[in-house]
PDB file of N, CA and C in Angstrom:
ATOM      1  N   MET A   1      82.453  99.124  88.885  1.00  0.00           N
ATOM      2  CA  MET A   1      82.986  99.258  90.251  1.00  0.00           C
ATOM      3  C   MET A   1      84.081 100.391  90.182  1.00  0.00           C
ATOM      4  N   LYS A   2      84.004 101.220  91.167  1.00  0.00           N
ATOM      5  CA  LYS A   2      84.958 102.409  91.234  1.00  0.00           C
ATOM      6  C   LYS A   2      86.163 101.865  92.138  1.00  0.00           C
ATOM      7  N   ILE A   3      87.282 102.274  91.755  1.00  0.00           N
ATOM      8  CA  ILE A   3      88.489 101.952  92.591  1.00  0.00           C
ATOM      9  C   ILE A   3      89.427 103.061  92.414  1.00  0.00           C
ATOM     10  N   ALA A   4      90.276 103.028  93.364  1.00  0.00           N
ATOM     11  CA  ALA A   4      91.315 104.042  93.563  1.00  0.00           C
ATOM     12  C   ALA A   4      92.797 103.490  93.833  1.00  0.00           C
ATOM     13  N   ILE A   5      93.839 104.114  93.458  1.00  0.00           N
ATOM     14  CA  ILE A   5      95.090 103.698  93.600  1.00  0.00           C
ATOM     15  C   ILE A   5      95.660 104.734  94.675  1.00  0.00           C
ATOM     16  N   GLY A   6      96.391 104.322  95.686  1.00  0.00           N
ATOM     17  CA  GLY A   6      97.159 105.192  96.549  1.00  0.00           C
ATOM     18  C   GLY A   6      98.695 104.768  96.624  1.00  0.00           C
ATOM     19  N   VAL A   7      99.403 105.833  96.409  1.00  0.00           N
ATOM     20  CA  VAL A   7     100.890 105.580  96.568  1.00  0.00           C
ATOM     21  C   VAL A   7     101.561 106.556  97.713  1.00  0.00           C
ATOM     22  N   CYS A   8     102.724 106.227  97.861  1.00  0.00           N
ATOM     23  CA  CYS A   8     103.540 106.933  98.857  1.00  0.00           C
ATOM     24  C   CYS A   8     103.937 108.354  98.381  1.00  0.00           C
ATOM     25  N   GLU A   9     103.791 109.431  99.055  1.00  0.00           N
ATOM     26  CA  GLU A   9     104.191 110.635  98.498  1.00  0.00           C
ATOM     27  C   GLU A   9     105.748 110.795  98.442  1.00  0.00           C
ATOM     28  N   LYS A  10     106.330 109.861  98.911  1.00  0.00           N
ATOM     29  CA  LYS A  10     107.988 110.062  98.936  1.00  0.00           C
ATOM     30  C   LYS A  10     108.495 109.464  97.538  1.00  0.00           C
ATOM     31  N   ILE A  11     107.585 108.839  96.624  1.00  0.00           N
ATOM     32  CA  ILE A  11     108.135 108.488  95.476  1.00  0.00           C
ATOM     33  C   ILE A  11     107.901 109.575  94.453  1.00  0.00           C
ATOM     34  N   ASN A  12     107.378 110.538  94.741  1.00  0.00           N
ATOM     35  CA  ASN A  12     107.113 111.799  93.874  1.00  0.00           C
ATOM     36  C   ASN A  12     108.387 112.228  93.261  1.00  0.00           C
ATOM     37  N   GLY A  13     108.430 112.269  92.038  1.00  0.00           N
ATOM     38  CA  GLY A  13     109.726 112.740  91.358  1.00  0.00           C
ATOM     39  C   GLY A  13     110.656 111.472  91.009  1.00  0.00           C
ATOM     40  N   ARG A  14     110.450 110.324  91.563  1.00  0.00           N
ATOM     41  CA  ARG A  14     111.222 109.091  91.181  1.00  0.00           C
ATOM     42  C   ARG A  14     110.471 108.221  90.565  1.00  0.00           C
ATOM     43  N   CYS A  15     109.262 107.988  90.669  1.00  0.00           N
ATOM     44  CA  CYS A  15     108.385 107.094  90.013  1.00  0.00           C
ATOM     45  C   CYS A  15     107.378 107.802  89.126  1.00  0.00           C
ATOM     46  N   SER A  16     107.230 107.154  87.921  1.00  0.00           N
ATOM     47  CA  SER A  16     106.267 107.653  86.906  1.00  0.00           C
ATOM     48  C   SER A  16     104.874 107.175  87.154  1.00  0.00           C
ATOM     49  N   SER A  17     104.840 106.172  88.013  1.00  0.00           N
ATOM     50  CA  SER A  17     103.434 105.455  88.260  1.00  0.00           C
ATOM     51  C   SER A  17     102.967 104.658  87.011  1.00  0.00           C
ATOM     52  N   MET A  18     103.722 104.655  86.003  1.00  0.00           N
ATOM     53  CA  MET A  18     103.401 103.881  84.830  1.00  0.00           C
ATOM     54  C   MET A  18     103.085 102.370  85.027  1.00  0.00           C
ATOM     55  N   GLY A  19     103.794 101.770  86.005  1.00  0.00           N
ATOM     56  CA  GLY A  19     103.552 100.437  86.439  1.00  0.00           C
ATOM     57  C   GLY A  19     102.115 100.129  86.929  1.00  0.00           C
ATOM     58  N   CYS A  20     101.660 101.084  87.698  1.00  0.00           N
ATOM     59  CA  CYS A  20     100.331 100.994  88.320  1.00  0.00           C
ATOM     60  C   CYS A  20      99.224 101.206  87.144  1.00  0.00           C
ATOM     61  N   PHE A  21      99.470 102.190  86.416  1.00  0.00           N
ATOM     62  CA  PHE A  21      98.525 102.464  85.219  1.00  0.00           C
ATOM     63  C   PHE A  21      98.565 101.275  84.253  1.00  0.00           C
ATOM     64  N   LYS A  22      99.704 100.919  83.959  1.00  0.00           N
ATOM     65  CA  LYS A  22      99.769  99.680  82.880  1.00  0.00           C
ATOM     66  C   LYS A  22      99.122  98.357  83.510  1.00  0.00           C
ATOM     67  N   ALA A  23      99.208  98.083  84.745  1.00  0.00           N
ATOM     68  CA  ALA A  23      98.564  96.946  85.337  1.00  0.00           C
ATOM     69  C   ALA A  23      97.097  97.158  85.356  1.00  0.00           C
ATOM     70  N   TYR A  24      96.693  98.402  85.706  1.00  0.00           N
ATOM     71  CA  TYR A  24      95.181  98.714  85.708  1.00  0.00           C
ATOM     72  C   TYR A  24      94.661  98.500  84.319  1.00  0.00           C
ATOM     73  N   ASN A  25      95.176  99.236  83.387  1.00  0.00           N
ATOM     74  CA  ASN A  25      94.665  99.198  82.002  1.00  0.00           C
ATOM     75  C   ASN A  25      94.570  97.777  81.301  1.00  0.00           C
ATOM     76  N   LYS A  26      95.607  97.002  81.694  1.00  0.00           N
ATOM     77  CA  LYS A  26      95.632  95.584  81.203  1.00  0.00           C
ATOM     78  C   LYS A  26      94.909  94.457  82.041  1.00  0.00           C
ATOM     79  N   LYS A  27      94.434  95.056  83.149  1.00  0.00           N
ATOM     80  CA  LYS A  27      93.781  94.191  84.151  1.00  0.00           C
ATOM     81  C   LYS A  27      94.646  93.074  84.508  1.00  0.00           C
ATOM     82  N   ASP A  28      95.930  93.470  84.897  1.00  0.00           N
ATOM     83  CA  ASP A  28      97.062  92.502  85.017  1.00  0.00           C
ATOM     84  C   ASP A  28      97.427  92.602  86.586  1.00  0.00           C
ATOM     85  N   LYS A  29      98.142  91.719  86.971  1.00  0.00           N
ATOM     86  CA  LYS A  29      98.811  91.669  88.428  1.00  0.00           C
ATOM     87  C   LYS A  29      97.703  91.686  89.442  1.00  0.00           C
ATOM     88  N   HIS A  30      97.692  92.670  90.257  1.00  0.00           N
ATOM     89  CA  HIS A  30      96.681  92.757  91.205  1.00  0.00           C
ATOM     90  C   HIS A  30      95.299  93.272  90.703  1.00  0.00           C
ATOM     91  N   PHE A  31      95.239  93.691  89.537  1.00  0.00           N
ATOM     92  CA  PHE A  31      94.039  94.215  88.820  1.00  0.00           C
ATOM     93  C   PHE A  31      93.432  93.018  88.192  1.00  0.00           C
ATOM     94  N   SER A  32      93.992  91.726  88.074  1.00  0.00           N
ATOM     95  CA  SER A  32      93.465  90.707  87.270  1.00  0.00           C
ATOM     96  C   SER A  32      92.123  90.174  87.960  1.00  0.00           C
ATOM     97  N   ARG A  33      91.805  90.637  89.153  1.00  0.00           N
ATOM     98  CA  ARG A  33      90.520  90.145  89.771  1.00  0.00           C
ATOM     99  C   ARG A  33      89.396  90.820  89.089  1.00  0.00           C
ATOM    100  N   TYR A  34      89.652  91.869  88.214  1.00  0.00           N
ATOM    101  CA  TYR A  34      88.626  92.585  87.623  1.00  0.00           C
ATOM    102  C   TYR A  34      88.443  92.201  86.021  1.00  0.00           C
ATOM    103  N   GLU A  35      89.021  91.092  85.731  1.00  0.00           N
ATOM    104  CA  GLU A  35      89.187  90.610  84.328  1.00  0.00           C
ATOM    105  C   GLU A  35      87.788  90.758  83.590  1.00  0.00           C
ATOM    106  N   ASP A  36      86.628  90.366  84.379  1.00  0.00           N
ATOM    107  CA  ASP A  36      85.257  90.251  83.895  1.00  0.00           C
ATOM    108  C   ASP A  36      84.536  91.260  84.499  1.00  0.00           C
ATOM    109  N   ILE A  37      85.047  92.310  85.109  1.00  0.00           N
ATOM    110  CA  ILE A  37      84.200  93.353  85.807  1.00  0.00           C
ATOM    111  C   ILE A  37      84.574  94.622  85.319  1.00  0.00           C
ATOM    112  N   ASP A  38      83.464  95.464  85.006  1.00  0.00           N
ATOM    113  CA  ASP A  38      83.701  96.745  84.517  1.00  0.00           C
ATOM    114  C   ASP A  38      84.131  97.658  85.626  1.00  0.00           C
ATOM    115  N   THR A  39      85.180  98.338  85.459  1.00  0.00           N
ATOM    116  CA  THR A  39      85.739  99.263  86.509  1.00  0.00           C
ATOM    117  C   THR A  39      86.126 100.545  86.090  1.00  0.00           C
ATOM    118  N   GLU A  40      86.052 101.419  86.945  1.00  0.00           N
ATOM    119  CA  GLU A  40      86.497 102.816  86.704  1.00  0.00           C
ATOM    120  C   GLU A  40      87.504 103.317  87.687  1.00  0.00           C
ATOM    121  N   LEU A  41      88.661 103.723  87.150  1.00  0.00           N
ATOM    122  CA  LEU A  41      89.674 104.200  88.159  1.00  0.00           C
ATOM    123  C   LEU A  41      89.189 105.611  88.454  1.00  0.00           C
ATOM    124  N   GLN A  42      88.743 105.743  89.667  1.00  0.00           N
ATOM    125  CA  GLN A  42      88.186 107.151  90.082  1.00  0.00           C
ATOM    126  C   GLN A  42      89.162 108.115  90.605  1.00  0.00           C
ATOM    127  N   ALA A  43      90.260 107.514  91.205  1.00  0.00           N
ATOM    128  CA  ALA A  43      91.242 108.483  91.852  1.00  0.00           C
ATOM    129  C   ALA A  43      92.612 107.822  91.857  1.00  0.00           C
ATOM    130  N   PHE A  44      93.655 108.674  91.926  1.00  0.00           N
ATOM    131  CA  PHE A  44      94.853 108.316  92.168  1.00  0.00           C
ATOM    132  C   PHE A  44      95.549 109.316  93.135  1.00  0.00           C
ATOM    133  N   PHE A  45      95.941 108.868  94.291  1.00  0.00           N
ATOM    134  CA  PHE A  45      96.325 109.750  95.427  1.00  0.00           C
ATOM    135  C   PHE A  45      97.477 109.366  95.986  1.00  0.00           C
ATOM    136  N   SER A  46      98.142 110.467  96.740  1.00  0.00           N
ATOM    137  CA  SER A  46      99.438 110.095  97.503  1.00  0.00           C
ATOM    138  C   SER A  46      99.046 110.198  98.987  1.00  0.00           C
ATOM    139  N   CYS A  47      99.639 109.178  99.653  1.00  0.00           N
ATOM    140  CA  CYS A  47      99.603 109.231 101.133  1.00  0.00           C
ATOM    141  C   CYS A  47     100.592 110.011 101.771  1.00  0.00           C
ATOM    142  N   ASN A  48     100.271 110.888 102.732  1.00  0.00           N
ATOM    143  CA  ASN A  48     101.369 111.611 103.448  1.00  0.00           C
ATOM    144  C   ASN A  48     101.306 111.442 104.955  1.00  0.00           C
ATOM    145  N   ILE A  49     100.602 110.169 105.343  1.00  0.00           N
ATOM    146  CA  ILE A  49     100.533 110.091 106.789  1.00  0.00           C
ATOM    147  C   ILE A  49     101.753 110.055 107.633  1.00  0.00           C
ATOM    148  N   CYS A  50     102.826 109.752 107.090  1.00  0.00           N
ATOM    149  CA  CYS A  50     104.184 109.745 107.796  1.00  0.00           C
ATOM    150  C   CYS A  50     104.705 111.221 107.886  1.00  0.00           C
ATOM    151  N   SER A  51     104.622 112.050 106.798  1.00  0.00           N
ATOM    152  CA  SER A  51     105.232 113.341 106.853  1.00  0.00           C
ATOM    153  C   SER A  51     104.327 114.269 107.595  1.00  0.00           C
ATOM    154  N   SER A  52     102.928 114.020 107.642  1.00  0.00           N
ATOM    155  CA  SER A  52     102.133 115.040 108.366  1.00  0.00           C
ATOM    156  C   SER A  52     101.886 114.610 109.793  1.00  0.00           C
ATOM    157  N   GLU A  53     102.331 113.396 110.163  1.00  0.00           N
ATOM    158  CA  GLU A  53     102.244 112.794 111.609  1.00  0.00           C
ATOM    159  C   GLU A  53     100.795 112.757 111.926  1.00  0.00           C
ATOM    160  N   SER A  54      99.900 112.669 111.034  1.00  0.00           N
ATOM    161  CA  SER A  54      98.487 112.712 111.313  1.00  0.00           C
ATOM    162  C   SER A  54      97.717 111.913 110.343  1.00  0.00           C
ATOM    163  N   LYS A  55      96.561 111.391 110.795  1.00  0.00           N
ATOM    164  CA  LYS A  55      95.543 110.645 109.921  1.00  0.00           C
ATOM    165  C   LYS A  55      94.607 111.517 109.303  1.00  0.00           C
ATOM    166  N   GLU A  56      94.636 112.848 109.646  1.00  0.00           N
ATOM    167  CA  GLU A  56      93.669 113.724 109.234  1.00  0.00           C
ATOM    168  C   GLU A  56      93.559 113.867 107.580  1.00  0.00           C
ATOM    169  N   ASN A  57      94.586 114.028 107.115  1.00  0.00           N
ATOM    170  CA  ASN A  57      94.563 114.236 105.475  1.00  0.00           C
ATOM    171  C   ASN A  57      94.244 112.917 104.854  1.00  0.00           C
ATOM    172  N   ILE A  58      94.662 111.811 105.227  1.00  0.00           N
ATOM    173  CA  ILE A  58      94.210 110.599 104.711  1.00  0.00           C
ATOM    174  C   ILE A  58      92.867 110.271 104.951  1.00  0.00           C
ATOM    175  N   THR A  59      92.330 110.649 106.074  1.00  0.00           N
ATOM    176  CA  THR A  59      90.930 110.462 106.464  1.00  0.00           C
ATOM    177  C   THR A  59      90.068 111.442 105.565  1.00  0.00           C
ATOM    178  N   THR A  60      90.428 112.637 105.310  1.00  0.00           N
ATOM    179  CA  THR A  60      89.788 113.460 104.429  1.00  0.00           C
ATOM    180  C   THR A  60      89.646 112.876 102.974  1.00  0.00           C
ATOM    181  N   LEU A  61      90.707 112.300 102.444  1.00  0.00           N
ATOM    182  CA  LEU A  61      90.752 111.663 101.232  1.00  0.00           C
ATOM    183  C   LEU A  61      89.908 110.545 101.225  1.00  0.00           C
ATOM    184  N   ALA A  62      89.915 109.637 102.215  1.00  0.00           N
ATOM    185  CA  ALA A  62      89.052 108.462 102.223  1.00  0.00           C
ATOM    186  C   ALA A  62      87.509 108.906 102.264  1.00  0.00           C
ATOM    187  N   THR A  63      87.314 110.022 103.004  1.00  0.00           N
ATOM    188  CA  THR A  63      85.900 110.504 102.986  1.00  0.00           C
ATOM    189  C   THR A  63      85.364 110.823 101.607  1.00  0.00           C
ATOM    190  N   ARG A  64      86.208 111.629 100.961  1.00  0.00           N
ATOM    191  CA  ARG A  64      85.912 111.981  99.453  1.00  0.00           C
ATOM    192  C   ARG A  64      85.705 110.712  98.625  1.00  0.00           C
ATOM    193  N   LEU A  65      86.633 109.754  98.825  1.00  0.00           N
ATOM    194  CA  LEU A  65      86.544 108.468  97.906  1.00  0.00           C
ATOM    195  C   LEU A  65      85.277 107.723  98.261  1.00  0.00           C
ATOM    196  N   LYS A  66      84.839 107.694  99.546  1.00  0.00           N
ATOM    197  CA  LYS A  66      83.660 107.020  99.960  1.00  0.00           C
ATOM    198  C   LYS A  66      82.504 107.706  99.439  1.00  0.00           C
ATOM    199  N   ASP A  67      82.376 109.135  99.510  1.00  0.00           N
ATOM    200  CA  ASP A  67      81.420 109.786  98.918  1.00  0.00           C
ATOM    201  C   ASP A  67      81.205 109.736  97.335  1.00  0.00           C
ATOM    202  N   ALA A  68      82.308 109.330  96.717  1.00  0.00           N
ATOM    203  CA  ALA A  68      82.340 109.165  95.193  1.00  0.00           C
ATOM    204  C   ALA A  68      82.084 107.690  94.955  1.00  0.00           C
ATOM    205  N   ASP A  69      81.739 106.882  96.055  1.00  0.00           N
ATOM    206  CA  ASP A  69      81.331 105.459  95.698  1.00  0.00           C
ATOM    207  C   ASP A  69      82.459 104.658  95.350  1.00  0.00           C
ATOM    208  N   VAL A  70      83.670 104.927  95.815  1.00  0.00           N
ATOM    209  CA  VAL A  70      84.784 104.007  95.607  1.00  0.00           C
ATOM    210  C   VAL A  70      84.676 102.913  96.550  1.00  0.00           C
ATOM    211  N   LYS A  71      84.904 101.699  96.021  1.00  0.00           N
ATOM    212  CA  LYS A  71      84.624 100.476  96.783  1.00  0.00           C
ATOM    213  C   LYS A  71      86.003  99.821  97.204  1.00  0.00           C
ATOM    214  N   ILE A  72      87.044  99.946  96.384  1.00  0.00           N
ATOM    215  CA  ILE A  72      88.294  99.373  96.581  1.00  0.00           C
ATOM    216  C   ILE A  72      89.434 100.157  96.416  1.00  0.00           C
ATOM    217  N   ILE A  73      90.434 100.239  97.391  1.00  0.00           N
ATOM    218  CA  ILE A  73      91.616 100.912  97.262  1.00  0.00           C
ATOM    219  C   ILE A  73      92.699  99.969  96.992  1.00  0.00           C
ATOM    220  N   HIS A  74      93.485 100.202  95.998  1.00  0.00           N
ATOM    221  CA  HIS A  74      94.742  99.549  95.758  1.00  0.00           C
ATOM    222  C   HIS A  74      95.927 100.332  96.231  1.00  0.00           C
ATOM    223  N   LEU A  75      96.771  99.893  97.044  1.00  0.00           N
ATOM    224  CA  LEU A  75      97.883 100.523  97.474  1.00  0.00           C
ATOM    225  C   LEU A  75      99.066 100.006  96.707  1.00  0.00           C
ATOM    226  N   GLY A  76      99.856 100.875  96.211  1.00  0.00           N
ATOM    227  CA  GLY A  76     101.073 100.612  95.453  1.00  0.00           C
ATOM    228  C   GLY A  76     102.089  99.938  96.344  1.00  0.00           C
ATOM    229  N   ALA A  77     103.011  99.296  95.836  1.00  0.00           N
ATOM    230  CA  ALA A  77     104.074  98.644  96.488  1.00  0.00           C
ATOM    231  C   ALA A  77     104.845  99.690  97.445  1.00  0.00           C
ATOM    232  N   CYS A  78     104.869 100.920  96.982  1.00  0.00           N
ATOM    233  CA  CYS A  78     105.659 101.845  97.827  1.00  0.00           C
ATOM    234  C   CYS A  78     104.873 102.184  99.180  1.00  0.00           C
ATOM    235  N   ALA A  79     103.519 102.156  98.959  1.00  0.00           N
ATOM    236  CA  ALA A  79     102.679 102.326 100.285  1.00  0.00           C
ATOM    237  C   ALA A  79     102.727 100.876 101.083  1.00  0.00           C
ATOM    238  N   VAL A  80     102.583  99.878 100.492  1.00  0.00           N
ATOM    239  CA  VAL A  80     102.651  98.648 100.983  1.00  0.00           C
ATOM    240  C   VAL A  80     103.993  98.423 101.984  1.00  0.00           C
ATOM    241  N   LYS A  81     105.045  98.868 101.355  1.00  0.00           N
ATOM    242  CA  LYS A  81     106.344  98.724 102.094  1.00  0.00           C
ATOM    243  C   LYS A  81     106.683  99.967 102.786  1.00  0.00           C
ATOM    244  N   CYS A  82     105.543 100.676 103.348  1.00  0.00           N
ATOM    245  CA  CYS A  82     105.720 101.888 104.012  1.00  0.00           C
ATOM    246  C   CYS A  82     106.913 101.925 105.048  1.00  0.00           C
ATOM    247  N   LYS A  83     107.898 102.686 104.710  1.00  0.00           N
ATOM    248  CA  LYS A  83     109.162 102.865 105.644  1.00  0.00           C
ATOM    249  C   LYS A  83     108.863 103.350 106.986  1.00  0.00           C
ATOM    250  N   ALA A  84     107.689 104.126 107.109  1.00  0.00           N
ATOM    251  CA  ALA A  84     107.486 104.617 108.456  1.00  0.00           C
ATOM    252  C   ALA A  84     106.618 103.587 109.199  1.00  0.00           C
ATOM    253  N   ASP A  85     106.347 102.365 108.675  1.00  0.00           N
ATOM    254  CA  ASP A  85     105.615 101.391 109.458  1.00  0.00           C
ATOM    255  C   ASP A  85     104.179 101.820 109.672  1.00  0.00           C
ATOM    256  N   LYS A  86     103.558 102.458 108.723  1.00  0.00           N
ATOM    257  CA  LYS A  86     102.181 102.977 108.963  1.00  0.00           C
ATOM    258  C   LYS A  86     101.077 102.277 108.130  1.00  0.00           C
ATOM    259  N   LEU A  87     101.536 100.973 107.635  1.00  0.00           N
ATOM    260  CA  LEU A  87     100.567 100.412 106.630  1.00  0.00           C
ATOM    261  C   LEU A  87      99.167 100.115 107.376  1.00  0.00           C
ATOM    262  N   LEU A  88      99.358  99.487 108.565  1.00  0.00           N
ATOM    263  CA  LEU A  88      98.056  99.010 109.288  1.00  0.00           C
ATOM    264  C   LEU A  88      97.246 100.224 109.504  1.00  0.00           C
ATOM    265  N   GLU A  89      97.896 101.369 109.959  1.00  0.00           N
ATOM    266  CA  GLU A  89      97.193 102.595 110.151  1.00  0.00           C
ATOM    267  C   GLU A  89      96.422 103.111 108.824  1.00  0.00           C
ATOM    268  N   ILE A  90      97.146 103.084 107.683  1.00  0.00           N
ATOM    269  CA  ILE A  90      96.712 103.649 106.471  1.00  0.00           C
ATOM    270  C   ILE A  90      95.382 102.625 106.192  1.00  0.00           C
ATOM    271  N   LYS A  91      95.597 101.442 106.214  1.00  0.00           N
ATOM    272  CA  LYS A  91      94.523 100.420 105.789  1.00  0.00           C
ATOM    273  C   LYS A  91      93.197 100.573 106.762  1.00  0.00           C
ATOM    274  N   GLU A  92      93.490 100.926 108.036  1.00  0.00           N
ATOM    275  CA  GLU A  92      92.360 100.904 109.013  1.00  0.00           C
ATOM    276  C   GLU A  92      91.585 102.258 108.606  1.00  0.00           C
ATOM    277  N   VAL A  93      92.073 103.239 108.049  1.00  0.00           N
ATOM    278  CA  VAL A  93      91.336 104.385 107.659  1.00  0.00           C
ATOM    279  C   VAL A  93      90.250 104.157 106.563  1.00  0.00           C
ATOM    280  N   PHE A  94      90.620 103.283 105.599  1.00  0.00           N
ATOM    281  CA  PHE A  94      89.802 102.909 104.574  1.00  0.00           C
ATOM    282  C   PHE A  94      88.848 101.814 105.007  1.00  0.00           C
ATOM    283  N   THR A  95      89.313 100.843 105.612  1.00  0.00           N
ATOM    284  CA  THR A  95      88.434  99.791 105.969  1.00  0.00           C
ATOM    285  C   THR A  95      87.384 100.224 107.088  1.00  0.00           C
ATOM    286  N   SER A  96      87.681 101.214 107.805  1.00  0.00           N
ATOM    287  CA  SER A  96      86.739 101.806 108.794  1.00  0.00           C
ATOM    288  C   SER A  96      85.515 102.469 108.036  1.00  0.00           C
ATOM    289  N   MET A  97      85.827 102.731 106.704  1.00  0.00           N
ATOM    290  CA  MET A  97      84.686 103.354 105.989  1.00  0.00           C
ATOM    291  C   MET A  97      84.228 102.388 104.899  1.00  0.00           C
ATOM    292  N   ASP A  98      84.322 101.141 105.122  1.00  0.00           N
ATOM    293  CA  ASP A  98      83.796  99.994 104.385  1.00  0.00           C
ATOM    294  C   ASP A  98      84.374  99.950 102.937  1.00  0.00           C
ATOM    295  N   MET A  99      85.642 100.367 102.852  1.00  0.00           N
ATOM    296  CA  MET A  99      86.315 100.228 101.562  1.00  0.00           C
ATOM    297  C   MET A  99      87.203  99.041 101.666  1.00  0.00           C
ATOM    298  N   GLU A 100      87.290  98.178 100.674  1.00  0.00           N
ATOM    299  CA  GLU A 100      88.342  97.086 100.625  1.00  0.00           C
ATOM    300  C   GLU A 100      89.687  97.634 100.302  1.00  0.00           C
ATOM    301  N   VAL A 101      90.729  97.093 101.001  1.00  0.00           N
ATOM    302  CA  VAL A 101      92.029  97.544 100.659  1.00  0.00           C
ATOM    303  C   VAL A 101      92.912  96.298 100.095  1.00  0.00           C
ATOM    304  N   VAL A 102      93.364  96.511  98.953  1.00  0.00           N
ATOM    305  CA  VAL A 102      94.113  95.614  98.273  1.00  0.00           C
ATOM    306  C   VAL A 102      95.660  96.011  98.365  1.00  0.00           C
ATOM    307  N   GLU A 103      96.503  95.164  98.803  1.00  0.00           N
ATOM    308  CA  GLU A 103      97.871  95.392  98.923  1.00  0.00           C
ATOM    309  C   GLU A 103      98.579  95.121  97.680  1.00  0.00           C
ATOM    310  N   GLY A 104      98.694  96.129  96.777  1.00  0.00           N
ATOM    311  CA  GLY A 104      99.439  95.905  95.532  1.00  0.00           C
ATOM    312  C   GLY A 104      98.746  96.452  94.308  1.00  0.00           C
ATOM    313  N   THR A 105      99.536  96.734  93.339  1.00  0.00           N
ATOM    314  CA  THR A 105      99.066  97.204  92.020  1.00  0.00           C
ATOM    315  C   THR A 105      99.748  96.426  90.893  1.00  0.00           C
ATOM    316  N   HIS A 106     100.976  96.380  90.947  1.00  0.00           N
ATOM    317  CA  HIS A 106     101.727  95.682  89.921  1.00  0.00           C
ATOM    318  C   HIS A 106     102.970  94.915  90.453  1.00  0.00           C
TER     319      HIS A 106
END
Protein backbone atom coordinates (compact mmCIF):
# COMPACT_ATOMS: atom_id res chain seq x y z
CA MET A 1 0.00 0.00 0.00
CA LYS A 2 1.36 3.40 -0.97
CA ILE A 3 1.20 6.21 1.56
CA ALA A 4 2.44 9.79 1.77
CA ILE A 5 3.31 12.17 4.59
CA GLY A 6 2.35 15.83 4.50
CA VAL A 7 3.82 18.50 6.76
CA CYS A 8 3.39 22.24 7.17
CA GLU A 9 5.81 24.30 5.10
CA LYS A 10 6.35 26.63 8.07
CA ILE A 11 8.41 23.96 9.87
CA ASN A 12 11.04 24.06 7.12
CA GLY A 13 14.38 24.76 8.73
CA ARG A 14 13.12 24.00 12.26
CA CYS A 15 12.12 20.35 11.99
CA SER A 16 14.26 17.54 10.64
CA SER A 17 11.19 15.31 10.06
CA MET A 18 13.11 12.50 11.75
CA GLY A 19 10.14 11.78 14.01
CA CYS A 20 7.90 11.13 11.00
CA PHE A 21 10.44 8.87 9.32
CA LYS A 22 11.35 7.05 12.53
CA ALA A 23 7.68 6.28 13.25
CA TYR A 24 7.15 5.14 9.65
CA ASN A 25 10.26 2.93 9.58
CA LYS A 26 9.39 1.29 12.91
CA LYS A 27 5.66 1.12 12.09
CA ASP A 28 5.12 2.91 15.37
CA LYS A 29 2.63 5.52 16.60
CA HIS A 30 0.15 6.40 13.83
CA PHE A 31 1.87 3.94 11.47
CA SER A 32 1.26 0.96 13.79
CA ARG A 33 -1.86 0.22 11.75
CA TYR A 34 0.49 -1.13 9.04
CA GLU A 35 2.26 -3.60 11.33
CA ASP A 36 1.27 -6.55 9.13
CA ILE A 37 0.84 -4.64 5.86
CA ASP A 38 3.50 -4.03 3.23
CA THR A 39 3.75 -0.27 2.70
CA GLU A 40 5.74 2.06 0.52
CA LEU A 41 6.35 5.69 1.47
CA GLN A 42 5.64 7.19 -1.94
CA ALA A 43 6.00 10.88 -1.07
CA PHE A 44 6.86 13.44 1.59
CA PHE A 45 5.41 16.86 0.84
CA SER A 46 4.86 20.30 2.33
CA CYS A 47 1.50 21.98 2.46
CA ASN A 48 1.44 25.66 1.59
CA ILE A 49 -2.32 26.22 1.56
CA CYS A 50 -2.07 29.10 4.06
CA SER A 51 0.80 31.01 2.44
CA SER A 52 -0.51 30.66 -1.10
CA GLU A 53 -4.08 31.50 0.00
CA SER A 54 -5.19 28.89 -2.51
CA LYS A 55 -5.99 25.19 -2.69
CA GLU A 56 -4.47 25.06 -6.18
CA ASN A 57 -0.99 23.80 -5.18
CA ILE A 58 -2.26 21.19 -2.72
CA THR A 59 -4.82 20.05 -5.29
CA THR A 60 -2.03 19.60 -7.83
CA LEU A 61 -0.06 17.56 -5.27
CA ALA A 62 -3.13 15.48 -4.43
CA THR A 63 -3.73 14.76 -8.12
CA ARG A 64 -0.15 13.56 -8.55
CA LEU A 65 -0.41 11.37 -5.46
CA LYS A 66 -3.70 9.90 -6.66
CA ASP A 67 -2.14 9.20 -10.08
CA ALA A 68 0.72 7.40 -8.26
CA ASP A 69 -1.86 5.20 -6.50
CA VAL A 70 -1.31 6.66 -3.03
CA LYS A 71 -4.15 5.47 -0.81
CA ILE A 72 -3.45 7.14 2.53
CA ILE A 73 -2.13 10.55 3.51
CA HIS A 74 -0.62 11.01 6.96
CA LEU A 75 -0.56 14.60 8.14
CA GLY A 76 2.19 15.47 10.61
CA ALA A 77 1.30 17.14 13.91
CA CYS A 78 2.41 20.45 12.40
CA ALA A 79 -0.28 20.16 9.72
CA VAL A 80 -2.89 18.77 12.09
CA LYS A 81 -2.36 21.78 14.36
CA CYS A 82 -2.60 24.16 11.39
CA LYS A 83 -2.32 27.67 12.80
CA ALA A 84 -4.19 29.06 9.81
CA ASP A 85 -7.16 26.82 10.72
CA LYS A 86 -7.10 25.10 7.31
CA LEU A 87 -7.07 21.45 8.46
CA LEU A 88 -10.58 20.68 7.23
CA GLU A 89 -9.82 22.31 3.90
CA ILE A 90 -6.59 20.32 3.54
CA LYS A 91 -8.31 17.05 4.40
CA GLU A 92 -11.16 17.73 1.97
CA VAL A 93 -8.75 18.06 -0.95
CA PHE A 94 -7.48 14.51 -0.37
CA THR A 95 -10.74 12.87 0.66
CA SER A 96 -12.46 14.30 -2.42
CA MET A 97 -9.99 12.20 -4.43
CA ASP A 98 -10.78 9.05 -2.42
CA MET A 99 -7.64 9.11 -0.32
CA GLU A 100 -7.89 8.44 3.39
CA VAL A 101 -6.40 11.09 5.67
CA VAL A 102 -4.81 10.11 8.98
CA GLU A 103 -4.18 12.89 11.47
CA GLY A 104 -0.72 12.19 12.79
CA THR A 105 2.57 10.50 12.20
CA HIS A 106 4.38 10.28 15.54
